Amino acid sequence: MAIDPETGELVEPDVRLQTALALRNVAAILAAAGCGLAQVVKTTVFMADLSDFGAMNEVYAKAFGDHAPARATFEVSALPGGALVEIDAVAVIPAEG
């Protein structure tokens, strides 16, 4: 989700900002595991309103660049804290050695 790691608060209700921060948070988690967005093989995007898909997709596509993991996107009745978007990612962590 688009939780600011410094404040613990949800950022303002703008789907582009929330998508960007959600993806930065995913990237930070992946970095702590020794990988990055390039290792993501699948995402699930939950949206409060699918009419915002185009705006979310612009930010999402820019973050992933040429890498295109499998994706499922769903509209849900509500997200925690009134969020507009939540992104779940599955990544393959490179083997050690």
PDB file of N, CA and C in Angstrom:
ATOM      1  N   MET A   1       0.839  -1.182   0.000  1.00  0.00           N
ATOM      2  CA  MET A   1       0.000   0.000   0.000  1.00  0.00           C
ATOM      3  C   MET A   1       0.879   1.238   0.000  1.00  0.00           C
ATOM      4  N   ALA A   2       0.253   2.331  -0.163  1.00  0.00           N
ATOM      5  CA  ALA A   2       0.957   3.612  -0.247  1.00  0.00           C
ATOM      6  C   ALA A   2       1.133   4.230   1.138  1.00  0.00           C
ATOM      7  N   ILE A   3       1.767   3.473   2.012  1.00  0.00           N
ATOM      8  CA  ILE A   3       2.050   3.954   3.358  1.00  0.00           C
ATOM      9  C   ILE A   3       3.440   4.593   3.342  1.00  0.00           C
ATOM     10  N   ASP A   4       3.527   5.829   3.752  1.00  0.00           N
ATOM     11  CA  ASP A   4       4.815   6.514   3.830  1.00  0.00           C
ATOM     12  C   ASP A   4       5.617   5.854   4.950  1.00  0.00           C
ATOM     13  N   PRO A   5       6.782   5.274   4.630  1.00  0.00           N
ATOM     14  CA  PRO A   5       7.550   4.575   5.665  1.00  0.00           C
ATOM     15  C   PRO A   5       8.060   5.481   6.784  1.00  0.00           C
ATOM     16  N   GLU A   6       8.161   6.761   6.527  1.00  0.00           N
ATOM     17  CA  GLU A   6       8.641   7.685   7.557  1.00  0.00           C
ATOM     18  C   GLU A   6       7.547   8.081   8.538  1.00  0.00           C
ATOM     19  N   THR A   7       6.313   8.217   8.034  1.00  0.00           N
ATOM     20  CA  THR A   7       5.220   8.671   8.901  1.00  0.00           C
ATOM     21  C   THR A   7       4.257   7.559   9.291  1.00  0.00           C
ATOM     22  N   GLY A   8       4.248   6.477   8.512  1.00  0.00           N
ATOM     23  CA  GLY A   8       3.291   5.406   8.772  1.00  0.00           C
ATOM     24  C   GLY A   8       1.889   5.747   8.310  1.00  0.00           C
ATOM     25  N   GLU A   9       1.757   6.843   7.568  1.00  0.00           N
ATOM     26  CA  GLU A   9       0.459   7.317   7.119  1.00  0.00           C
ATOM     27  C   GLU A   9       0.254   7.040   5.627  1.00  0.00           C
ATOM     28  N   LEU A  10      -0.993   6.855   5.258  1.00  0.00           N
ATOM     29  CA  LEU A  10      -1.368   6.713   3.860  1.00  0.00           C
ATOM     30  C   LEU A  10      -1.206   8.069   3.170  1.00  0.00           C
ATOM     31  N   VAL A  11      -0.609   8.068   1.967  1.00  0.00           N
ATOM     32  CA  VAL A  11      -0.448   9.332   1.247  1.00  0.00           C
ATOM     33  C   VAL A  11      -1.797   9.809   0.719  1.00  0.00           C
ATOM     34  N   GLU A  12      -1.808  11.036   0.234  1.00  0.00           N
ATOM     35  CA  GLU A  12      -3.058  11.647  -0.227  1.00  0.00           C
ATOM     36  C   GLU A  12      -3.773  10.775  -1.259  1.00  0.00           C
ATOM     37  N   PRO A  13      -5.077  10.944  -1.378  1.00  0.00           N
ATOM     38  CA  PRO A  13      -5.877  10.095  -2.267  1.00  0.00           C
ATOM     39  C   PRO A  13      -5.720  10.448  -3.756  1.00  0.00           C
ATOM     40  N   ASP A  14      -4.568  10.096  -4.303  1.00  0.00           N
ATOM     41  CA  ASP A  14      -4.285  10.280  -5.724  1.00  0.00           C
ATOM     42  C   ASP A  14      -3.744   8.938  -6.222  1.00  0.00           C
ATOM     43  N   VAL A  15      -4.408   8.330  -7.188  1.00  0.00           N
ATOM     44  CA  VAL A  15      -4.040   6.979  -7.605  1.00  0.00           C
ATOM     45  C   VAL A  15      -2.625   6.909  -8.155  1.00  0.00           C
ATOM     46  N   ARG A  16      -2.172   7.948  -8.835  1.00  0.00           N
ATOM     47  CA  ARG A  16      -0.797   7.937  -9.355  1.00  0.00           C
ATOM     48  C   ARG A  16       0.224   7.954  -8.201  1.00  0.00           C
ATOM     49  N   LEU A  17       0.019   8.842  -7.252  1.00  0.00           N
ATOM     50  CA  LEU A  17       0.928   8.918  -6.104  1.00  0.00           C
ATOM     51  C   LEU A  17       0.900   7.632  -5.295  1.00  0.00           C
ATOM     52  N   GLN A  18      -0.284   7.096  -5.082  1.00  0.00           N
ATOM     53  CA  GLN A  18      -0.395   5.872  -4.296  1.00  0.00           C
ATOM     54  C   GLN A  18       0.241   4.684  -5.012  1.00  0.00           C
ATOM     55  N   THR A  19       0.079   4.604  -6.331  1.00  0.00           N
ATOM     56  CA  THR A  19       0.702   3.517  -7.087  1.00  0.00           C
ATOM     57  C   THR A  19       2.219   3.631  -7.009  1.00  0.00           C
ATOM     58  N   ALA A  20       2.742   4.832  -7.210  1.00  0.00           N
ATOM     59  CA  ALA A  20       4.192   5.046  -7.168  1.00  0.00           C
ATOM     60  C   ALA A  20       4.767   4.664  -5.811  1.00  0.00           C
ATOM     61  N   LEU A  21       4.124   5.078  -4.735  1.00  0.00           N
ATOM     62  CA  LEU A  21       4.641   4.771  -3.407  1.00  0.00           C
ATOM     63  C   LEU A  21       4.485   3.286  -3.092  1.00  0.00           C
ATOM     64  N   ALA A  22       3.376   2.694  -3.485  1.00  0.00           N
ATOM     65  CA  ALA A  22       3.197   1.260  -3.255  1.00  0.00           C
ATOM     66  C   ALA A  22       4.312   0.475  -3.946  1.00  0.00           C
ATOM     67  N   LEU A  23       4.656   0.861  -5.173  1.00  0.00           N
ATOM     68  CA  LEU A  23       5.721   0.171  -5.895  1.00  0.00           C
ATOM     69  C   LEU A  23       7.093   0.459  -5.289  1.00  0.00           C
ATOM     70  N   ARG A  24       7.312   1.668  -4.787  1.00  0.00           N
ATOM     71  CA  ARG A  24       8.575   1.953  -4.092  1.00  0.00           C
ATOM     72  C   ARG A  24       8.690   1.103  -2.820  1.00  0.00           C
ATOM     73  N   ASN A  25       7.568   0.922  -2.130  1.00  0.00           N
ATOM     74  CA  ASN A  25       7.584   0.082  -0.931  1.00  0.00           C
ATOM     75  C   ASN A  25       7.882  -1.368  -1.289  1.00  0.00           C
ATOM     76  N   VAL A  26       7.284  -1.869  -2.376  1.00  0.00           N
ATOM     77  CA  VAL A  26       7.584  -3.227  -2.841  1.00  0.00           C
ATOM     78  C   VAL A  26       9.072  -3.327  -3.185  1.00  0.00           C
ATOM     79  N   ALA A  27       9.599  -2.342  -3.901  1.00  0.00           N
ATOM     80  CA  ALA A  27      11.007  -2.352  -4.284  1.00  0.00           C
ATOM     81  C   ALA A  27      11.915  -2.353  -3.057  1.00  0.00           C
ATOM     82  N   ALA A  28      11.550  -1.619  -2.024  1.00  0.00           N
ATOM     83  CA  ALA A  28      12.356  -1.575  -0.800  1.00  0.00           C
ATOM     84  C   ALA A  28      12.354  -2.935  -0.101  1.00  0.00           C
ATOM     85  N   ILE A  29      11.224  -3.593  -0.069  1.00  0.00           N
ATOM     86  CA  ILE A  29      11.142  -4.935   0.525  1.00  0.00           C
ATOM     87  C   ILE A  29      12.003  -5.902  -0.271  1.00  0.00           C
ATOM     88  N   LEU A  30      11.911  -5.822  -1.597  1.00  0.00           N
ATOM     89  CA  LEU A  30      12.713  -6.697  -2.450  1.00  0.00           C
ATOM     90  C   LEU A  30      14.204  -6.417  -2.270  1.00  0.00           C
ATOM     91  N   ALA A  31      14.581  -5.147  -2.172  1.00  0.00           N
ATOM     92  CA  ALA A  31      15.986  -4.789  -1.986  1.00  0.00           C
ATOM     93  C   ALA A  31      16.528  -5.398  -0.692  1.00  0.00           C
ATOM     94  N   ALA A  32      15.718  -5.407   0.351  1.00  0.00           N
ATOM     95  CA  ALA A  32      16.137  -6.001   1.623  1.00  0.00           C
ATOM     96  C   ALA A  32      16.368  -7.506   1.483  1.00  0.00           C
ATOM     97  N   ALA A  33      15.712  -8.110   0.479  1.00  0.00           N
ATOM     98  CA  ALA A  33      15.882  -9.548   0.222  1.00  0.00           C
ATOM     99  C   ALA A  33      16.947  -9.812  -0.836  1.00  0.00           C
ATOM    100  N   GLY A  34      17.608  -8.743  -1.300  1.00  0.00           N
ATOM    101  CA  GLY A  34      18.684  -8.902  -2.250  1.00  0.00           C
ATOM    102  C   GLY A  34      18.270  -8.964  -3.707  1.00  0.00           C
ATOM    103  N   CYS A  35      17.094  -8.457  -4.023  1.00  0.00           N
ATOM    104  CA  CYS A  35      16.663  -8.431  -5.423  1.00  0.00           C
ATOM    105  C   CYS A  35      15.877  -7.146  -5.692  1.00  0.00           C
ATOM    106  N   GLY A  36      15.205  -7.088  -6.812  1.00  0.00           N
ATOM    107  CA  GLY A  36      14.474  -5.877  -7.160  1.00  0.00           C
ATOM    108  C   GLY A  36      13.263  -6.179  -8.012  1.00  0.00           C
ATOM    109  N   LEU A  37      12.684  -5.144  -8.589  1.00  0.00           N
ATOM    110  CA  LEU A  37      11.480  -5.317  -9.400  1.00  0.00           C
ATOM    111  C   LEU A  37      11.699  -6.248 -10.590  1.00  0.00           C
ATOM    112  N   ALA A  38      12.929  -6.360 -11.074  1.00  0.00           N
ATOM    113  CA  ALA A  38      13.216  -7.246 -12.205  1.00  0.00           C
ATOM    114  C   ALA A  38      12.985  -8.715 -11.850  1.00  0.00           C
ATOM    115  N   GLN A  39      12.965  -9.038 -10.558  1.00  0.00           N
ATOM    116  CA  GLN A  39      12.728 -10.421 -10.145  1.00  0.00           C
ATOM    117  C   GLN A  39      11.253 -10.722  -9.875  1.00  0.00           C
ATOM    118  N   VAL A  40      10.399  -9.715 -10.016  1.00  0.00           N
ATOM    119  CA  VAL A  40       8.959  -9.925  -9.805  1.00  0.00           C
ATOM    120  C   VAL A  40       8.401 -10.750 -10.966  1.00  0.00           C
ATOM    121  N   VAL A  41       7.686 -11.817 -10.621  1.00  0.00           N
ATOM    122  CA  VAL A  41       7.100 -12.672 -11.654  1.00  0.00           C
ATOM    123  C   VAL A  41       5.590 -12.498 -11.760  1.00  0.00           C
ATOM    124  N   LYS A  42       4.958 -11.987 -10.697  1.00  0.00           N
ATOM    125  CA  LYS A  42       3.510 -11.777 -10.732  1.00  0.00           C
ATOM    126  C   LYS A  42       3.122 -10.709  -9.728  1.00  0.00           C
ATOM    127  N   THR A  43       2.168  -9.886 -10.124  1.00  0.00           N
ATOM    128  CA  THR A  43       1.587  -8.925  -9.188  1.00  0.00           C
ATOM    129  C   THR A  43       0.068  -9.079  -9.194  1.00  0.00           C
ATOM    130  N   THR A  44      -0.511  -8.684  -8.093  1.00  0.00           N
ATOM    131  CA  THR A  44      -1.959  -8.541  -8.000  1.00  0.00           C
ATOM    132  C   THR A  44      -2.216  -7.114  -7.558  1.00  0.00           C
ATOM    133  N   VAL A  45      -3.011  -6.407  -8.331  1.00  0.00           N
ATOM    134  CA  VAL A  45      -3.326  -5.015  -8.034  1.00  0.00           C
ATOM    135  C   VAL A  45      -4.792  -4.947  -7.610  1.00  0.00           C
ATOM    136  N   PHE A  46      -5.023  -4.422  -6.441  1.00  0.00           N
ATOM    137  CA  PHE A  46      -6.377  -4.221  -5.927  1.00  0.00           C
ATOM    138  C   PHE A  46      -6.675  -2.734  -6.026  1.00  0.00           C
ATOM    139  N   MET A  47      -7.800  -2.391  -6.630  1.00  0.00           N
ATOM    140  CA  MET A  47      -8.154  -0.984  -6.827  1.00  0.00           C
ATOM    141  C   MET A  47      -9.543  -0.706  -6.277  1.00  0.00           C
ATOM    142  N   ALA A  48      -9.694   0.464  -5.690  1.00  0.00           N
ATOM    143  CA  ALA A  48     -11.002   0.878  -5.191  1.00  0.00           C
ATOM    144  C   ALA A  48     -11.934   1.238  -6.338  1.00  0.00           C
ATOM    145  N   ASP A  49     -11.372   1.644  -7.483  1.00  0.00           N
ATOM    146  CA  ASP A  49     -12.188   2.059  -8.631  1.00  0.00           C
ATOM    147  C   ASP A  49     -11.427   1.760  -9.922  1.00  0.00           C
ATOM    148  N   LEU A  50     -11.912   0.800 -10.700  1.00  0.00           N
ATOM    149  CA  LEU A  50     -11.228   0.430 -11.939  1.00  0.00           C
ATOM    150  C   LEU A  50     -11.233   1.539 -12.987  1.00  0.00           C
ATOM    151  N   SER A  51     -12.028   2.575 -12.800  1.00  0.00           N
ATOM    152  CA  SER A  51     -11.957   3.697 -13.743  1.00  0.00           C
ATOM    153  C   SER A  51     -10.613   4.425 -13.621  1.00  0.00           C
ATOM    154  N   ASP A  52      -9.861   4.152 -12.545  1.00  0.00           N
ATOM    155  CA  ASP A  52      -8.521   4.716 -12.355  1.00  0.00           C
ATOM    156  C   ASP A  52      -7.432   3.818 -12.945  1.00  0.00           C
ATOM    157  N   PHE A  53      -7.825   2.742 -13.648  1.00  0.00           N
ATOM    158  CA  PHE A  53      -6.849   1.783 -14.164  1.00  0.00           C
ATOM    159  C   PHE A  53      -5.806   2.452 -15.062  1.00  0.00           C
ATOM    160  N   GLY A  54      -6.218   3.313 -15.969  1.00  0.00           N
ATOM    161  CA  GLY A  54      -5.283   3.951 -16.892  1.00  0.00           C
ATOM    162  C   GLY A  54      -4.196   4.725 -16.167  1.00  0.00           C
ATOM    163  N   ALA A  55      -4.588   5.498 -15.168  1.00  0.00           N
ATOM    164  CA  ALA A  55      -3.618   6.284 -14.401  1.00  0.00           C
ATOM    165  C   ALA A  55      -2.677   5.368 -13.625  1.00  0.00           C
ATOM    166  N   MET A  56      -3.231   4.337 -12.998  1.00  0.00           N
ATOM    167  CA  MET A  56      -2.400   3.378 -12.273  1.00  0.00           C
ATOM    168  C   MET A  56      -1.444   2.693 -13.234  1.00  0.00           C
ATOM    169  N   ASN A  57      -1.947   2.281 -14.393  1.00  0.00           N
ATOM    170  CA  ASN A  57      -1.151   1.526 -15.349  1.00  0.00           C
ATOM    171  C   ASN A  57       0.022   2.341 -15.898  1.00  0.00           C
ATOM    172  N   GLU A  58      -0.155   3.645 -16.074  1.00  0.00           N
ATOM    173  CA  GLU A  58       0.943   4.500 -16.534  1.00  0.00           C
ATOM    174  C   GLU A  58       2.115   4.452 -15.559  1.00  0.00           C
ATOM    175  N   VAL A  59       1.816   4.595 -14.283  1.00  0.00           N
ATOM    176  CA  VAL A  59       2.851   4.582 -13.253  1.00  0.00           C
ATOM    177  C   VAL A  59       3.454   3.185 -13.130  1.00  0.00           C
ATOM    178  N   TYR A  60       2.605   2.177 -13.141  1.00  0.00           N
ATOM    179  CA  TYR A  60       3.030   0.779 -13.036  1.00  0.00           C
ATOM    180  C   TYR A  60       3.982   0.434 -14.181  1.00  0.00           C
ATOM    181  N   ALA A  61       3.599   0.766 -15.416  1.00  0.00           N
ATOM    182  CA  ALA A  61       4.413   0.450 -16.589  1.00  0.00           C
ATOM    183  C   ALA A  61       5.759   1.164 -16.531  1.00  0.00           C
ATOM    184  N   LYS A  62       5.765   2.395 -16.072  1.00  0.00           N
ATOM    185  CA  LYS A  62       7.023   3.147 -15.964  1.00  0.00           C
ATOM    186  C   LYS A  62       7.946   2.485 -14.935  1.00  0.00           C
ATOM    187  N   ALA A  63       7.391   2.023 -13.828  1.00  0.00           N
ATOM    188  CA  ALA A  63       8.196   1.399 -12.777  1.00  0.00           C
ATOM    189  C   ALA A  63       8.830   0.099 -13.259  1.00  0.00           C
ATOM    190  N   PHE A  64       8.089  -0.688 -14.030  1.00  0.00           N
ATOM    191  CA  PHE A  64       8.595  -1.986 -14.471  1.00  0.00           C
ATOM    192  C   PHE A  64       9.356  -1.910 -15.792  1.00  0.00           C
ATOM    193  N   GLY A  65       9.191  -0.842 -16.550  1.00  0.00           N
ATOM    194  CA  GLY A  65       9.912  -0.704 -17.815  1.00  0.00           C
ATOM    195  C   GLY A  65       9.601  -1.849 -18.764  1.00  0.00           C
ATOM    196  N   ASP A  66      10.648  -2.427 -19.346  1.00  0.00           N
ATOM    197  CA  ASP A  66      10.475  -3.527 -20.301  1.00  0.00           C
ATOM    198  C   ASP A  66      10.094  -4.839 -19.629  1.00  0.00           C
ATOM    199  N   HIS A  67      10.302  -4.930 -18.339  1.00  0.00           N
ATOM    200  CA  HIS A  67       9.942  -6.139 -17.590  1.00  0.00           C
ATOM    201  C   HIS A  67       8.426  -6.141 -17.386  1.00  0.00           C
ATOM    202  N   ALA A  68       7.777  -7.219 -17.774  1.00  0.00           N
ATOM    203  CA  ALA A  68       6.315  -7.278 -17.672  1.00  0.00           C
ATOM    204  C   ALA A  68       5.887  -8.549 -16.930  1.00  0.00           C
ATOM    205  N   PRO A  69       5.866  -8.488 -15.585  1.00  0.00           N
ATOM    206  CA  PRO A  69       5.415  -9.664 -14.842  1.00  0.00           C
ATOM    207  C   PRO A  69       3.930  -9.915 -15.093  1.00  0.00           C
ATOM    208  N   ALA A  70       3.509 -11.143 -14.903  1.00  0.00           N
ATOM    209  CA  ALA A  70       2.081 -11.452 -14.987  1.00  0.00           C
ATOM    210  C   ALA A  70       1.354 -10.570 -13.978  1.00  0.00           C
ATOM    211  N   ARG A  71       0.131 -10.171 -14.335  1.00  0.00           N
ATOM    212  CA  ARG A  71      -0.610  -9.282 -13.440  1.00  0.00           C
ATOM    213  C   ARG A  71      -2.081  -9.605 -13.475  1.00  0.00           C
ATOM    214  N   ALA A  72      -2.694  -9.546 -12.315  1.00  0.00           N
ATOM    215  CA  ALA A  72      -4.148  -9.603 -12.191  1.00  0.00           C
ATOM    216  C   ALA A  72      -4.565  -8.312 -11.490  1.00  0.00           C
ATOM    217  N   THR A  73      -5.645  -7.716 -11.958  1.00  0.00           N
ATOM    218  CA  THR A  73      -6.131  -6.472 -11.357  1.00  0.00           C
ATOM    219  C   THR A  73      -7.607  -6.645 -11.018  1.00  0.00           C
ATOM    220  N   PHE A  74      -7.968  -6.267  -9.814  1.00  0.00           N
ATOM    221  CA  PHE A  74      -9.336  -6.416  -9.347  1.00  0.00           C
ATOM    222  C   PHE A  74      -9.841  -5.114  -8.735  1.00  0.00           C
ATOM    223  N   GLU A  75     -11.115  -4.841  -8.935  1.00  0.00           N
ATOM    224  CA  GLU A  75     -11.766  -3.769  -8.188  1.00  0.00           C
ATOM    225  C   GLU A  75     -12.346  -4.404  -6.934  1.00  0.00           C
ATOM    226  N   VAL A  76     -12.117  -3.760  -5.807  1.00  0.00           N
ATOM    227  CA  VAL A  76     -12.623  -4.247  -4.529  1.00  0.00           C
ATOM    228  C   VAL A  76     -13.521  -3.178  -3.911  1.00  0.00           C
ATOM    229  N   SER A  77     -14.381  -3.590  -3.007  1.00  0.00           N
ATOM    230  CA  SER A  77     -15.325  -2.634  -2.440  1.00  0.00           C
ATOM    231  C   SER A  77     -14.646  -1.605  -1.542  1.00  0.00           C
ATOM    232  N   ALA A  78     -13.540  -1.988  -0.921  1.00  0.00           N
ATOM    233  CA  ALA A  78     -12.814  -1.047  -0.054  1.00  0.00           C
ATOM    234  C   ALA A  78     -11.427  -1.602   0.226  1.00  0.00           C
ATOM    235  N   LEU A  79     -10.496  -0.691   0.469  1.00  0.00           N
ATOM    236  CA  LEU A  79      -9.141  -1.044   0.887  1.00  0.00           C
ATOM    237  C   LEU A  79      -8.883  -0.400   2.243  1.00  0.00           C
ATOM    238  N   PRO A  80      -7.955  -0.951   3.019  1.00  0.00           N
ATOM    239  CA  PRO A  80      -7.690  -0.394   4.341  1.00  0.00           C
ATOM    240  C   PRO A  80      -7.344   1.093   4.288  1.00  0.00           C
ATOM    241  N   GLY A  81      -7.885   1.836   5.234  1.00  0.00           N
ATOM    242  CA  GLY A  81      -7.578   3.253   5.369  1.00  0.00           C
ATOM    243  C   GLY A  81      -8.081   4.127   4.243  1.00  0.00           C
ATOM    244  N   GLY A  82      -8.939   3.591   3.394  1.00  0.00           N
ATOM    245  CA  GLY A  82      -9.436   4.370   2.265  1.00  0.00           C
ATOM    246  C   GLY A  82      -8.453   4.443   1.109  1.00  0.00           C
ATOM    247  N   ALA A  83      -7.475   3.541   1.080  1.00  0.00           N
ATOM    248  CA  ALA A  83      -6.494   3.519  -0.014  1.00  0.00           C
ATOM    249  C   ALA A  83      -7.206   3.311  -1.347  1.00  0.00           C
ATOM    250  N   LEU A  84      -6.580   3.806  -2.404  1.00  0.00           N
ATOM    251  CA  LEU A  84      -7.117   3.646  -3.759  1.00  0.00           C
ATOM    252  C   LEU A  84      -6.515   2.452  -4.472  1.00  0.00           C
ATOM    253  N   VAL A  85      -5.307   2.053  -4.057  1.00  0.00           N
ATOM    254  CA  VAL A  85      -4.612   0.947  -4.718  1.00  0.00           C
ATOM    255  C   VAL A  85      -3.745   0.195  -3.706  1.00  0.00           C
ATOM    256  N   GLU A  86      -3.671  -1.105  -3.883  1.00  0.00           N
ATOM    257  CA  GLU A  86      -2.785  -1.963  -3.098  1.00  0.00           C
ATOM    258  C   GLU A  86      -2.159  -2.948  -4.073  1.00  0.00           C
ATOM    259  N   ILE A  87      -0.861  -3.191  -3.948  1.00  0.00           N
ATOM    260  CA  ILE A  87      -0.164  -4.067  -4.882  1.00  0.00           C
ATOM    261  C   ILE A  87       0.566  -5.158  -4.110  1.00  0.00           C
ATOM    262  N   ASP A  88       0.297  -6.389  -4.515  1.00  0.00           N
ATOM    263  CA  ASP A  88       0.936  -7.571  -3.962  1.00  0.00           C
ATOM    264  C   ASP A  88       1.882  -8.100  -5.037  1.00  0.00           C
ATOM    265  N   ALA A  89       3.087  -8.480  -4.665  1.00  0.00           N
ATOM    266  CA  ALA A  89       4.058  -8.962  -5.651  1.00  0.00           C
ATOM    267  C   ALA A  89       4.686 -10.270  -5.206  1.00  0.00           C
ATOM    268  N   VAL A  90       4.946 -11.128  -6.195  1.00  0.00           N
ATOM    269  CA  VAL A  90       5.663 -12.379  -5.974  1.00  0.00           C
ATOM    270  C   VAL A  90       6.947 -12.275  -6.789  1.00  0.00           C
ATOM    271  N   ALA A  91       8.075 -12.514  -6.132  1.00  0.00           N
ATOM    272  CA  ALA A  91       9.372 -12.420  -6.802  1.00  0.00           C
ATOM    273  C   ALA A  91      10.155 -13.708  -6.618  1.00  0.00           C
ATOM    274  N   VAL A  92      11.029 -13.980  -7.559  1.00  0.00           N
ATOM    275  CA  VAL A  92      11.947 -15.105  -7.458  1.00  0.00           C
ATOM    276  C   VAL A  92      13.301 -14.547  -7.052  1.00  0.00           C
ATOM    277  N   ILE A  93      13.739 -14.924  -5.876  1.00  0.00           N
ATOM    278  CA  ILE A  93      15.011 -14.433  -5.355  1.00  0.00           C
ATOM    279  C   ILE A  93      16.132 -15.292  -5.922  1.00  0.00           C
ATOM    280  N   PRO A  94      17.160 -14.657  -6.469  1.00  0.00           N
ATOM    281  CA  PRO A  94      18.271 -15.433  -7.029  1.00  0.00           C
ATOM    282  C   PRO A  94      18.915 -16.348  -5.980  1.00  0.00           C
ATOM    283  N   ALA A  95      19.313 -17.538  -6.408  1.00  0.00           N
ATOM    284  CA  ALA A  95      19.962 -18.492  -5.509  1.00  0.00           C
ATOM    285  C   ALA A  95      21.351 -18.001  -5.136  1.00  0.00           C
ATOM    286  N   GLU A  96      21.752 -18.267  -3.922  1.00  0.00           N
ATOM    287  CA  GLU A  96      23.110 -17.924  -3.454  1.00  0.00           C
ATOM    288  C   GLU A  96      24.095 -18.943  -4.028  1.00  0.00           C
ATOM    289  N   GLY A  97      25.295 -18.458  -4.317  1.00  0.00           N
ATOM    290  CA  GLY A  97      26.362 -19.367  -4.694  1.00  0.00           C
ATOM    291  C   GLY A  97      26.465 -19.530  -6.117  1.00  0.00           C
TER     292      GLY A  97
END
